[in-house]
N, C-alpha and C. Protein backbone atom coordinates (compact mmCIF):
# COMPACT_ATOMS: atom_id res chain seq x y z
N MET A 1 47.46 -0.50 100.65
CA MET A 1 46.10 -0.65 100.19
C MET A 1 45.97 -1.87 99.31
N ALA A 2 47.05 -2.26 98.63
CA ALA A 2 46.99 -3.39 97.73
C ALA A 2 46.73 -4.69 98.49
N GLU A 3 47.28 -4.82 99.70
CA GLU A 3 47.05 -6.05 100.43
C GLU A 3 45.67 -6.12 101.06
N SER A 4 44.93 -5.00 101.13
CA SER A 4 43.59 -5.03 101.70
C SER A 4 42.53 -5.38 100.65
N LYS A 5 42.90 -5.48 99.40
CA LYS A 5 41.94 -5.84 98.36
C LYS A 5 42.08 -7.31 98.00
N LYS A 6 40.95 -7.95 97.78
CA LYS A 6 40.97 -9.33 97.32
C LYS A 6 41.08 -9.33 95.80
N LYS A 7 41.16 -10.52 95.23
CA LYS A 7 41.29 -10.62 93.78
C LYS A 7 40.05 -10.10 93.05
N SER A 8 38.88 -10.20 93.68
CA SER A 8 37.65 -9.78 93.04
C SER A 8 37.42 -8.28 93.12
N GLY A 9 38.33 -7.51 93.73
CA GLY A 9 38.19 -6.07 93.82
C GLY A 9 37.46 -5.62 95.07
N LEU A 10 37.10 -6.55 95.97
CA LEU A 10 36.41 -6.19 97.19
C LEU A 10 37.40 -5.78 98.27
N ILE A 11 36.96 -4.88 99.13
CA ILE A 11 37.78 -4.42 100.24
C ILE A 11 37.39 -5.24 101.46
N SER A 12 38.28 -6.09 101.95
CA SER A 12 37.96 -6.91 103.12
C SER A 12 38.05 -6.07 104.39
N HIS A 13 39.15 -5.36 104.57
CA HIS A 13 39.27 -4.36 105.63
C HIS A 13 40.22 -3.29 105.12
N GLY A 14 39.85 -2.09 105.41
CA GLY A 14 40.62 -0.97 104.91
C GLY A 14 39.70 0.16 104.51
N LEU A 15 40.22 1.07 103.76
CA LEU A 15 39.52 2.30 103.40
C LEU A 15 38.49 2.06 102.30
N ALA A 16 37.24 2.45 102.55
CA ALA A 16 36.18 2.33 101.55
C ALA A 16 35.92 3.67 100.86
N ALA A 17 35.99 4.77 101.62
CA ALA A 17 35.79 6.11 101.06
C ALA A 17 36.55 7.10 101.93
N GLN A 18 37.03 8.16 101.30
CA GLN A 18 37.82 9.15 102.03
C GLN A 18 37.43 10.55 101.58
N ASN A 19 37.39 11.48 102.53
CA ASN A 19 37.12 12.88 102.26
C ASN A 19 38.42 13.65 102.46
N ARG A 20 39.20 13.75 101.41
CA ARG A 20 40.52 14.38 101.51
C ARG A 20 40.41 15.90 101.65
N ARG A 21 39.34 16.47 101.18
CA ARG A 21 39.16 17.91 101.22
C ARG A 21 38.81 18.41 102.62
N ALA A 22 38.31 17.54 103.48
CA ALA A 22 37.82 17.97 104.80
C ALA A 22 38.93 18.59 105.65
N ARG A 23 40.11 18.01 105.64
CA ARG A 23 41.20 18.55 106.47
C ARG A 23 41.71 19.88 105.93
N PHE A 24 41.43 20.18 104.67
CA PHE A 24 41.80 21.48 104.11
C PHE A 24 40.75 22.53 104.43
N ASP A 25 39.48 22.16 104.35
CA ASP A 25 38.40 23.12 104.58
C ASP A 25 38.11 23.37 106.05
N TYR A 26 38.46 22.43 106.91
CA TYR A 26 38.15 22.53 108.34
C TYR A 26 39.41 22.33 109.17
N ALA A 27 39.49 23.04 110.28
CA ALA A 27 40.54 22.80 111.27
C ALA A 27 39.98 21.75 112.22
N ILE A 28 40.45 20.51 112.10
CA ILE A 28 39.91 19.39 112.86
C ILE A 28 40.49 19.43 114.28
N LYS A 29 39.60 19.51 115.27
CA LYS A 29 40.00 19.58 116.68
C LYS A 29 40.17 18.19 117.27
N GLU A 30 39.25 17.27 116.96
CA GLU A 30 39.32 15.90 117.46
C GLU A 30 38.60 14.98 116.49
N THR A 31 38.87 13.69 116.61
CA THR A 31 38.21 12.70 115.75
C THR A 31 37.52 11.66 116.62
N VAL A 32 36.42 11.13 116.10
CA VAL A 32 35.63 10.13 116.79
C VAL A 32 35.28 9.04 115.78
N GLU A 33 35.44 7.78 116.17
CA GLU A 33 35.06 6.68 115.30
C GLU A 33 33.67 6.20 115.70
N ALA A 34 32.78 6.10 114.72
CA ALA A 34 31.40 5.69 114.98
C ALA A 34 31.02 4.56 114.05
N GLY A 35 30.13 3.71 114.53
CA GLY A 35 29.56 2.68 113.68
C GLY A 35 28.49 3.31 112.81
N ILE A 36 28.10 2.62 111.77
CA ILE A 36 27.07 3.13 110.86
C ILE A 36 26.09 2.01 110.56
N VAL A 37 24.80 2.34 110.57
CA VAL A 37 23.76 1.35 110.30
C VAL A 37 23.58 1.25 108.79
N LEU A 38 23.87 0.07 108.25
CA LEU A 38 23.76 -0.18 106.81
C LEU A 38 22.98 -1.46 106.58
N ARG A 39 22.36 -1.56 105.40
CA ARG A 39 21.71 -2.80 105.00
C ARG A 39 22.66 -3.56 104.09
N GLY A 40 22.32 -4.80 103.79
CA GLY A 40 23.19 -5.69 103.03
C GLY A 40 23.72 -5.13 101.73
N PRO A 41 22.86 -4.64 100.83
CA PRO A 41 23.37 -4.12 99.55
C PRO A 41 24.26 -2.89 99.71
N GLU A 42 24.00 -2.08 100.76
CA GLU A 42 24.84 -0.91 101.00
C GLU A 42 26.26 -1.35 101.40
N VAL A 43 26.36 -2.40 102.20
CA VAL A 43 27.66 -2.90 102.61
C VAL A 43 28.41 -3.46 101.41
N LYS A 44 27.70 -4.18 100.56
CA LYS A 44 28.33 -4.75 99.37
C LYS A 44 28.84 -3.64 98.45
N SER A 45 28.05 -2.59 98.29
CA SER A 45 28.48 -1.47 97.47
C SER A 45 29.69 -0.76 98.09
N LEU A 46 29.70 -0.63 99.42
CA LEU A 46 30.85 -0.03 100.12
C LEU A 46 32.11 -0.87 99.93
N ARG A 47 31.94 -2.18 99.97
CA ARG A 47 33.10 -3.07 99.82
C ARG A 47 33.73 -2.95 98.44
N HIS A 48 32.96 -2.50 97.46
CA HIS A 48 33.52 -2.25 96.14
C HIS A 48 34.21 -0.88 96.08
N GLY A 49 34.10 -0.07 97.15
CA GLY A 49 34.80 1.21 97.24
C GLY A 49 34.20 2.29 96.37
N ARG A 50 32.87 2.28 96.19
CA ARG A 50 32.26 3.25 95.29
C ARG A 50 31.52 4.37 96.02
N ALA A 51 31.68 4.49 97.31
CA ALA A 51 30.97 5.54 98.06
C ALA A 51 31.68 6.87 97.92
N THR A 52 30.91 7.97 98.10
CA THR A 52 31.44 9.32 98.05
C THR A 52 30.96 10.07 99.29
N ILE A 53 31.91 10.65 100.03
CA ILE A 53 31.54 11.40 101.23
C ILE A 53 32.06 12.83 101.19
N THR A 54 32.38 13.34 100.00
CA THR A 54 32.95 14.68 99.93
C THR A 54 31.94 15.76 100.32
N GLU A 55 30.66 15.54 100.09
CA GLU A 55 29.64 16.52 100.42
C GLU A 55 28.84 16.13 101.65
N ALA A 56 29.27 15.10 102.36
CA ALA A 56 28.51 14.57 103.50
C ALA A 56 28.80 15.38 104.76
N TRP A 57 27.86 15.29 105.70
CA TRP A 57 28.01 15.92 107.00
C TRP A 57 27.18 15.14 108.00
N ALA A 58 27.52 15.25 109.26
CA ALA A 58 26.78 14.56 110.32
C ALA A 58 26.02 15.59 111.14
N GLY A 59 24.84 15.20 111.57
CA GLY A 59 24.03 16.11 112.36
C GLY A 59 23.06 15.36 113.24
N GLU A 60 22.34 16.13 114.04
CA GLU A 60 21.43 15.56 115.03
C GLU A 60 20.01 15.55 114.49
N ARG A 61 19.31 14.45 114.76
CA ARG A 61 17.88 14.33 114.44
C ARG A 61 17.25 13.48 115.54
N GLU A 62 16.34 14.06 116.29
CA GLU A 62 15.61 13.37 117.36
C GLU A 62 16.55 12.74 118.40
N GLY A 63 17.60 13.44 118.76
CA GLY A 63 18.51 12.95 119.78
C GLY A 63 19.53 11.94 119.32
N GLU A 64 19.55 11.62 118.05
CA GLU A 64 20.52 10.67 117.49
C GLU A 64 21.37 11.39 116.45
N LEU A 65 22.53 10.84 116.14
CA LEU A 65 23.38 11.40 115.09
C LEU A 65 23.17 10.62 113.80
N TYR A 66 23.09 11.35 112.71
CA TYR A 66 22.90 10.76 111.39
C TYR A 66 23.95 11.30 110.44
N LEU A 67 24.26 10.52 109.44
CA LEU A 67 25.16 10.92 108.36
C LEU A 67 24.29 11.31 107.17
N PHE A 68 24.35 12.58 106.79
CA PHE A 68 23.52 13.10 105.71
C PHE A 68 24.34 13.27 104.43
N ASN A 69 23.69 13.09 103.31
CA ASN A 69 24.24 13.36 101.98
C ASN A 69 25.45 12.50 101.63
N CYS A 70 25.55 11.34 102.23
CA CYS A 70 26.59 10.38 101.89
C CYS A 70 26.07 9.55 100.72
N TYR A 71 26.82 9.50 99.64
CA TYR A 71 26.36 8.80 98.44
C TYR A 71 26.95 7.40 98.39
N ILE A 72 26.08 6.40 98.54
CA ILE A 72 26.46 5.00 98.36
C ILE A 72 25.60 4.49 97.20
N PRO A 73 26.20 4.23 96.04
CA PRO A 73 25.41 3.83 94.88
C PRO A 73 24.77 2.46 95.08
N GLU A 74 23.69 2.22 94.34
CA GLU A 74 23.00 0.95 94.44
C GLU A 74 23.91 -0.18 93.98
N TYR A 75 23.80 -1.30 94.67
CA TYR A 75 24.58 -2.48 94.32
C TYR A 75 23.95 -3.10 93.07
N GLN A 76 24.74 -3.26 92.02
CA GLN A 76 24.21 -3.66 90.73
C GLN A 76 23.64 -5.07 90.72
N ALA A 77 24.24 -5.98 91.46
CA ALA A 77 23.75 -7.37 91.45
C ALA A 77 22.55 -7.57 92.37
N GLY A 78 22.25 -6.62 93.24
CA GLY A 78 21.14 -6.75 94.17
C GLY A 78 19.85 -6.26 93.56
N VAL A 79 19.08 -7.14 92.96
CA VAL A 79 17.86 -6.76 92.25
C VAL A 79 16.70 -6.59 93.22
N LEU A 80 16.63 -7.42 94.24
CA LEU A 80 15.45 -7.43 95.10
C LEU A 80 15.40 -6.27 96.08
N SER A 81 16.51 -5.89 96.64
CA SER A 81 16.47 -4.86 97.67
C SER A 81 17.10 -3.57 97.15
N ARG A 82 16.27 -2.60 96.87
CA ARG A 82 16.73 -1.28 96.44
C ARG A 82 16.82 -0.37 97.66
N PHE A 83 17.67 0.64 97.60
CA PHE A 83 17.78 1.61 98.68
C PHE A 83 18.06 2.97 98.08
N GLU A 84 17.81 3.99 98.86
CA GLU A 84 18.05 5.37 98.45
C GLU A 84 19.54 5.66 98.60
N PRO A 85 20.22 6.07 97.52
CA PRO A 85 21.67 6.29 97.60
C PRO A 85 22.09 7.39 98.57
N ARG A 86 21.27 8.43 98.75
CA ARG A 86 21.64 9.54 99.64
C ARG A 86 20.79 9.59 100.90
N ALA A 87 20.26 8.48 101.34
CA ALA A 87 19.42 8.44 102.54
C ALA A 87 20.25 8.74 103.78
N PRO A 88 19.65 9.39 104.79
CA PRO A 88 20.37 9.59 106.05
C PRO A 88 20.63 8.24 106.72
N ARG A 89 21.83 8.06 107.23
CA ARG A 89 22.21 6.80 107.85
C ARG A 89 22.59 7.06 109.30
N LYS A 90 22.02 6.25 110.19
CA LYS A 90 22.21 6.42 111.62
C LYS A 90 23.64 6.05 112.02
N LEU A 91 24.21 6.87 112.91
CA LEU A 91 25.54 6.61 113.44
C LEU A 91 25.42 6.04 114.85
N LEU A 92 26.25 5.07 115.16
CA LEU A 92 26.19 4.37 116.43
C LEU A 92 27.30 4.86 117.35
N LEU A 93 26.89 5.54 118.41
CA LEU A 93 27.82 6.06 119.42
C LEU A 93 27.18 5.89 120.79
N HIS A 94 27.98 6.02 121.85
CA HIS A 94 27.45 6.01 123.21
C HIS A 94 26.69 7.30 123.45
N LYS A 95 25.73 7.25 124.39
CA LYS A 95 24.90 8.42 124.70
C LYS A 95 25.74 9.62 125.13
N LYS A 96 26.78 9.38 125.93
CA LYS A 96 27.64 10.48 126.38
C LYS A 96 28.37 11.11 125.20
N GLN A 97 28.84 10.27 124.27
CA GLN A 97 29.53 10.80 123.09
C GLN A 97 28.57 11.62 122.24
N ILE A 98 27.35 11.13 122.06
CA ILE A 98 26.36 11.85 121.27
C ILE A 98 26.07 13.20 121.92
N GLY A 99 25.86 13.21 123.24
CA GLY A 99 25.60 14.46 123.94
C GLY A 99 26.75 15.44 123.83
N ASN A 100 27.98 14.93 123.93
CA ASN A 100 29.16 15.77 123.82
C ASN A 100 29.27 16.38 122.43
N LEU A 101 29.06 15.58 121.40
CA LEU A 101 29.17 16.08 120.02
C LEU A 101 28.07 17.08 119.70
N ILE A 102 26.85 16.81 120.15
CA ILE A 102 25.74 17.73 119.91
C ILE A 102 26.01 19.06 120.62
N ALA A 103 26.55 18.99 121.84
CA ALA A 103 26.87 20.22 122.58
C ALA A 103 27.95 21.02 121.85
N GLN A 104 28.95 20.35 121.32
CA GLN A 104 30.01 21.06 120.61
C GLN A 104 29.48 21.73 119.34
N THR A 105 28.56 21.08 118.65
CA THR A 105 28.05 21.68 117.42
C THR A 105 27.10 22.83 117.70
N THR A 106 26.32 22.75 118.78
CA THR A 106 25.36 23.83 119.05
C THR A 106 26.01 24.99 119.78
N ARG A 107 26.78 24.71 120.84
CA ARG A 107 27.35 25.78 121.65
C ARG A 107 28.58 26.41 121.02
N LEU A 108 29.49 25.59 120.55
CA LEU A 108 30.76 26.11 120.06
C LEU A 108 30.77 26.38 118.56
N GLY A 109 29.74 25.93 117.85
CA GLY A 109 29.66 26.20 116.42
C GLY A 109 30.55 25.31 115.57
N TYR A 110 30.95 24.16 116.08
CA TYR A 110 31.76 23.23 115.30
C TYR A 110 30.88 22.46 114.32
N THR A 111 31.53 21.80 113.39
CA THR A 111 30.84 20.99 112.38
C THR A 111 31.35 19.57 112.47
N LEU A 112 30.46 18.60 112.28
CA LEU A 112 30.85 17.19 112.25
C LEU A 112 31.02 16.78 110.79
N VAL A 113 32.26 16.49 110.42
CA VAL A 113 32.59 16.17 109.04
C VAL A 113 33.10 14.74 108.98
N PRO A 114 32.55 13.89 108.11
CA PRO A 114 33.10 12.54 107.96
C PRO A 114 34.43 12.60 107.22
N LEU A 115 35.46 12.01 107.82
CA LEU A 115 36.80 12.01 107.22
C LEU A 115 37.01 10.78 106.36
N ASP A 116 36.54 9.63 106.82
CA ASP A 116 36.63 8.43 106.00
C ASP A 116 35.64 7.37 106.49
N ILE A 117 35.37 6.42 105.62
CA ILE A 117 34.61 5.23 105.95
C ILE A 117 35.54 4.06 105.70
N HIS A 118 35.68 3.21 106.70
CA HIS A 118 36.58 2.07 106.56
C HIS A 118 35.96 0.84 107.21
N PHE A 119 36.57 -0.29 106.95
CA PHE A 119 36.17 -1.54 107.58
C PHE A 119 37.25 -1.92 108.58
N ASN A 120 36.83 -2.23 109.81
CA ASN A 120 37.81 -2.61 110.83
C ASN A 120 38.19 -4.09 110.67
N GLU A 121 38.97 -4.61 111.60
CA GLU A 121 39.46 -5.97 111.50
C GLU A 121 38.33 -7.00 111.56
N LYS A 122 37.23 -6.65 112.21
CA LYS A 122 36.09 -7.56 112.31
C LYS A 122 35.18 -7.47 111.08
N GLY A 123 35.48 -6.56 110.17
CA GLY A 123 34.67 -6.41 108.97
C GLY A 123 33.49 -5.47 109.13
N MET A 124 33.46 -4.70 110.21
CA MET A 124 32.36 -3.76 110.44
C MET A 124 32.70 -2.41 109.82
N ALA A 125 31.70 -1.78 109.23
CA ALA A 125 31.89 -0.46 108.62
C ALA A 125 31.91 0.60 109.71
N LYS A 126 32.91 1.46 109.68
CA LYS A 126 33.06 2.53 110.66
C LYS A 126 33.26 3.85 109.94
N VAL A 127 32.80 4.92 110.56
CA VAL A 127 32.97 6.28 110.03
C VAL A 127 33.83 7.05 111.02
N VAL A 128 34.86 7.71 110.52
CA VAL A 128 35.67 8.59 111.36
C VAL A 128 35.14 10.00 111.16
N LEU A 129 34.59 10.56 112.25
CA LEU A 129 34.04 11.92 112.22
C LEU A 129 35.07 12.88 112.78
N GLY A 130 35.24 13.99 112.12
CA GLY A 130 36.10 15.05 112.60
C GLY A 130 35.27 16.19 113.15
N VAL A 131 35.59 16.63 114.36
CA VAL A 131 34.95 17.79 114.95
C VAL A 131 35.81 18.98 114.56
N GLY A 132 35.30 19.80 113.66
CA GLY A 132 36.14 20.86 113.13
C GLY A 132 35.45 22.19 113.03
N GLN A 133 36.28 23.19 112.84
CA GLN A 133 35.80 24.56 112.65
C GLN A 133 36.22 24.99 111.26
N GLY A 134 35.32 25.61 110.53
CA GLY A 134 35.61 26.03 109.17
C GLY A 134 36.74 27.03 109.09
N ARG A 135 37.55 26.88 108.05
CA ARG A 135 38.67 27.79 107.84
C ARG A 135 38.26 28.88 106.86
N ASN A 136 38.83 30.06 107.05
CA ASN A 136 38.61 31.12 106.08
C ASN A 136 39.73 31.07 105.03
N LYS A 137 39.68 31.97 104.08
CA LYS A 137 40.63 31.94 102.96
C LYS A 137 42.08 32.11 103.41
N ALA A 138 42.31 32.99 104.37
CA ALA A 138 43.68 33.23 104.84
C ALA A 138 44.24 31.99 105.53
N ASP A 139 43.41 31.30 106.30
CA ASP A 139 43.86 30.07 106.96
C ASP A 139 44.20 28.99 105.93
N LYS A 140 43.42 28.93 104.86
CA LYS A 140 43.70 27.94 103.82
C LYS A 140 45.02 28.24 103.13
N ARG A 141 45.28 29.54 102.88
CA ARG A 141 46.56 29.90 102.27
C ARG A 141 47.72 29.56 103.19
N HIS A 142 47.54 29.77 104.48
CA HIS A 142 48.58 29.44 105.46
C HIS A 142 48.83 27.92 105.48
N ALA A 143 47.76 27.14 105.39
CA ALA A 143 47.90 25.68 105.38
C ALA A 143 48.65 25.22 104.12
N ILE A 144 48.38 25.86 102.99
CA ILE A 144 49.08 25.52 101.75
C ILE A 144 50.56 25.86 101.87
N ALA A 145 50.86 27.03 102.44
CA ALA A 145 52.26 27.45 102.61
C ALA A 145 53.00 26.49 103.54
N ASP A 146 52.37 26.08 104.64
CA ASP A 146 53.00 25.13 105.56
C ASP A 146 53.26 23.79 104.88
N ARG A 147 52.29 23.31 104.14
CA ARG A 147 52.44 22.03 103.45
C ARG A 147 53.57 22.10 102.42
N ASP A 148 53.65 23.20 101.66
CA ASP A 148 54.72 23.36 100.67
C ASP A 148 56.09 23.44 101.34
N TRP A 149 56.17 24.16 102.48
CA TRP A 149 57.44 24.27 103.16
C TRP A 149 57.90 22.91 103.69
N LYS A 150 56.99 22.13 104.25
CA LYS A 150 57.35 20.80 104.75
C LYS A 150 57.85 19.91 103.61
N ARG A 151 57.21 19.99 102.47
CA ARG A 151 57.63 19.20 101.31
C ARG A 151 59.01 19.63 100.85
N ASP A 152 59.24 20.95 100.75
CA ASP A 152 60.55 21.45 100.33
C ASP A 152 61.64 21.10 101.34
N LYS A 153 61.31 21.20 102.63
CA LYS A 153 62.28 20.87 103.67
C LYS A 153 62.66 19.39 103.60
N ALA A 154 61.69 18.53 103.40
CA ALA A 154 61.98 17.10 103.27
C ALA A 154 62.84 16.82 102.05
N ARG A 155 62.58 17.53 100.96
CA ARG A 155 63.37 17.37 99.74
C ARG A 155 64.82 17.83 99.96
N ILE A 156 64.99 18.93 100.66
CA ILE A 156 66.35 19.45 100.94
C ILE A 156 67.10 18.48 101.83
N MET A 157 66.45 18.00 102.87
CA MET A 157 67.10 17.07 103.81
C MET A 157 67.45 15.75 103.11
N ARG A 158 66.60 15.31 102.20
CA ARG A 158 66.87 14.07 101.48
C ARG A 158 68.06 14.23 100.55
N ASP A 159 68.17 15.38 99.88
CA ASP A 159 69.27 15.61 98.95
C ASP A 159 70.59 15.76 99.69
N LYS A 160 70.60 16.39 100.88
CA LYS A 160 71.85 16.60 101.62
C LYS A 160 72.30 15.33 102.34
N GLY A 161 71.36 14.52 102.77
CA GLY A 161 71.70 13.39 103.64
C GLY A 161 72.08 12.18 102.93
């Protein structure tokens, strides 16, 4: 991550925001990378890495997919163009992908959860959406136990080897 930051603190390409809790709360079945429609000050604010997507979700509105409740704070140096920090932002996908994701959320009861927002090599902002099913308390405990066992196993193997 250190090599993806410039001296001024801007992210040229790399991770802008991450939802670490999503993989714990949801059993992610598949992931899809989508473009996101942003205006200039929103991109500048994202490049500073100040966005929050922990409470965000993606859903359908008028046949298109939107990212709801994603918090991108106002860019401080941008005086002329103000924007709503929690405004719904349109996601860019192919029609077949949109139809497939909408069908999975309506028929199968899955949820579209943003896992991270990053900048690709071309400098475009992308959102990785996870198609997941919510976990109950017992599943979460099982996930914690598996994670602890893997950590302990790696520690044992490292000490013996």
